[in-house]
Amino acid sequence: VILPGGPGTMDEFFEVLTWRQLGLHDKPIFVLNTQGYWDGLINLLGNIIGSGFAEESLLSYFKVENSVDALETSLKDALSS
């Protein structure tokens, strides 16, 4: 789960995301985007894909949730799978 944070959080997110992309793990990744905090990051990923530096499938490796309640539901669903 990626909570609102700073450069260290972004570093960890990209590391785990890259590992997922490379097939080093298949664990779910969730981004808690409360009050649109991570909108810029999500737009950046769209720009990376749009510029041809990543495939659109990159977006399938994580799920964005906009509230703690939605995140809790997604976590429960992921753990029960």
C-alpha atoms as a PDB file:
ATOM      1  CA  VAL A   1       0.000   0.000   0.000  1.00  0.00           C
ATOM      2  CA  ILE A   2       1.371   3.363  -1.047  1.00  0.00           C
ATOM      3  CA  LEU A   3       0.194   6.104   1.298  1.00  0.00           C
ATOM      4  CA  PRO A   4       0.672   9.823   0.703  1.00  0.00           C
ATOM      5  CA  GLY A   5       4.342  10.557   1.222  1.00  0.00           C
ATOM      6  CA  GLY A   6       7.495  11.971  -0.277  1.00  0.00           C
ATOM      7  CA  PRO A   7      10.460  10.901  -2.386  1.00  0.00           C
ATOM      8  CA  GLY A   8      11.133   7.794  -0.303  1.00  0.00           C
ATOM      9  CA  THR A   9       7.586   6.606  -0.852  1.00  0.00           C
ATOM     10  CA  MET A  10       7.912   7.185  -4.589  1.00  0.00           C
ATOM     11  CA  ASP A  11      11.226   5.308  -4.620  1.00  0.00           C
ATOM     12  CA  GLU A  12       9.637   2.312  -2.906  1.00  0.00           C
ATOM     13  CA  PHE A  13       6.599   2.448  -5.211  1.00  0.00           C
ATOM     14  CA  PHE A  14       8.698   2.380  -8.374  1.00  0.00           C
ATOM     15  CA  GLU A  15      10.916  -0.372  -7.005  1.00  0.00           C
ATOM     16  CA  VAL A  16       7.959  -2.621  -6.175  1.00  0.00           C
ATOM     17  CA  LEU A  17       6.208  -1.691  -9.423  1.00  0.00           C
ATOM     18  CA  THR A  18       9.320  -2.567 -11.434  1.00  0.00           C
ATOM     19  CA  TRP A  19       9.686  -5.881  -9.606  1.00  0.00           C
ATOM     20  CA  ARG A  20       6.073  -6.648 -10.481  1.00  0.00           C
ATOM     21  CA  GLN A  21       6.668  -5.715 -14.113  1.00  0.00           C
ATOM     22  CA  LEU A  22       9.726  -8.011 -14.209  1.00  0.00           C
ATOM     23  CA  GLY A  23       7.764 -10.869 -12.663  1.00  0.00           C
ATOM     24  CA  LEU A  24       9.740 -10.938  -9.414  1.00  0.00           C
ATOM     25  CA  HIS A  25       6.471 -10.920  -7.455  1.00  0.00           C
ATOM     26  CA  ASP A  26       2.746 -11.011  -8.111  1.00  0.00           C
ATOM     27  CA  LYS A  27       1.523  -9.306  -4.954  1.00  0.00           C
ATOM     28  CA  PRO A  28      -1.112  -6.595  -5.251  1.00  0.00           C
ATOM     29  CA  ILE A  29      -0.013  -2.962  -5.135  1.00  0.00           C
ATOM     30  CA  PHE A  30      -2.464  -0.323  -3.947  1.00  0.00           C
ATOM     31  CA  VAL A  31      -2.139   3.453  -4.125  1.00  0.00           C
ATOM     32  CA  LEU A  32      -4.198   5.427  -1.609  1.00  0.00           C
ATOM     33  CA  ASN A  33      -4.981   8.621  -3.523  1.00  0.00           C
ATOM     34  CA  THR A  34      -6.778  10.564  -0.799  1.00  0.00           C
ATOM     35  CA  GLN A  35      -7.871  14.021  -1.896  1.00  0.00           C
ATOM     36  CA  GLY A  36      -6.085  13.470  -5.207  1.00  0.00           C
ATOM     37  CA  TYR A  37      -2.652  13.405  -3.549  1.00  0.00           C
ATOM     38  CA  TRP A  38      -1.170  11.038  -6.156  1.00  0.00           C
ATOM     39  CA  ASP A  39      -2.916  12.552  -9.211  1.00  0.00           C
ATOM     40  CA  GLY A  40       0.416  13.947 -10.414  1.00  0.00           C
ATOM     41  CA  LEU A  41       2.073  10.542 -10.153  1.00  0.00           C
ATOM     42  CA  ILE A  42      -0.776   8.880 -12.021  1.00  0.00           C
ATOM     43  CA  ASN A  43      -0.571  11.549 -14.734  1.00  0.00           C
ATOM     44  CA  LEU A  44       3.205  11.062 -14.916  1.00  0.00           C
ATOM     45  CA  LEU A  45       2.739   7.332 -15.517  1.00  0.00           C
ATOM     46  CA  GLY A  46       0.236   8.165 -18.271  1.00  0.00           C
ATOM     47  CA  ASN A  47       2.790  10.479 -19.834  1.00  0.00           C
ATOM     48  CA  ILE A  48       5.502   7.805 -19.651  1.00  0.00           C
ATOM     49  CA  ILE A  49       3.185   5.378 -21.433  1.00  0.00           C
ATOM     50  CA  GLY A  50       2.013   7.981 -23.936  1.00  0.00           C
ATOM     51  CA  SER A  51       5.629   8.840 -24.749  1.00  0.00           C
ATOM     52  CA  GLY A  52       6.402   5.207 -25.481  1.00  0.00           C
ATOM     53  CA  PHE A  53       8.693   4.498 -22.534  1.00  0.00           C
ATOM     54  CA  ALA A  54       6.372   1.886 -20.998  1.00  0.00           C
ATOM     55  CA  GLU A  55       3.525  -0.278 -22.135  1.00  0.00           C
ATOM     56  CA  GLU A  56      -0.039   0.429 -21.055  1.00  0.00           C
ATOM     57  CA  SER A  57      -0.003  -2.861 -19.160  1.00  0.00           C
ATOM     58  CA  LEU A  58       2.054  -1.044 -16.511  1.00  0.00           C
ATOM     59  CA  LEU A  59      -1.195   0.424 -15.194  1.00  0.00           C
ATOM     60  CA  SER A  60      -2.589  -3.051 -14.550  1.00  0.00           C
ATOM     61  CA  TYR A  61       0.065  -3.798 -11.929  1.00  0.00           C
ATOM     62  CA  PHE A  62      -1.465  -1.507  -9.311  1.00  0.00           C
ATOM     63  CA  LYS A  63      -4.871  -0.269  -8.241  1.00  0.00           C
ATOM     64  CA  VAL A  64      -5.715   3.260  -7.154  1.00  0.00           C
ATOM     65  CA  GLU A  65      -8.223   3.741  -4.348  1.00  0.00           C
ATOM     66  CA  ASN A  66      -9.495   7.173  -3.345  1.00  0.00           C
ATOM     67  CA  SER A  67     -10.633   6.382   0.195  1.00  0.00           C
ATOM     68  CA  VAL A  68      -9.572   4.277   3.141  1.00  0.00           C
ATOM     69  CA  ASP A  69     -12.884   2.408   2.991  1.00  0.00           C
ATOM     70  CA  ALA A  70     -12.348   1.440  -0.658  1.00  0.00           C
ATOM     71  CA  LEU A  71      -8.763   0.456   0.109  1.00  0.00           C
ATOM     72  CA  GLU A  72      -9.905  -1.709   3.006  1.00  0.00           C
ATOM     73  CA  THR A  73     -12.384  -3.510   0.746  1.00  0.00           C
ATOM     74  CA  SER A  74      -9.740  -4.067  -1.942  1.00  0.00           C
ATOM     75  CA  LEU A  75      -7.263  -5.379   0.618  1.00  0.00           C
ATOM     76  CA  LYS A  76      -9.819  -7.805   2.003  1.00  0.00           C
ATOM     77  CA  ASP A  77     -10.628  -8.996  -1.524  1.00  0.00           C
ATOM     78  CA  ALA A  78      -6.926  -9.434  -2.338  1.00  0.00           C
ATOM     79  CA  LEU A  79      -6.278 -11.387   0.855  1.00  0.00           C
ATOM     80  CA  SER A  80      -9.227 -13.702   0.282  1.00  0.00           C
ATOM     81  CA  SER A  81      -8.088 -14.614  -3.259  1.00  0.00           C
END
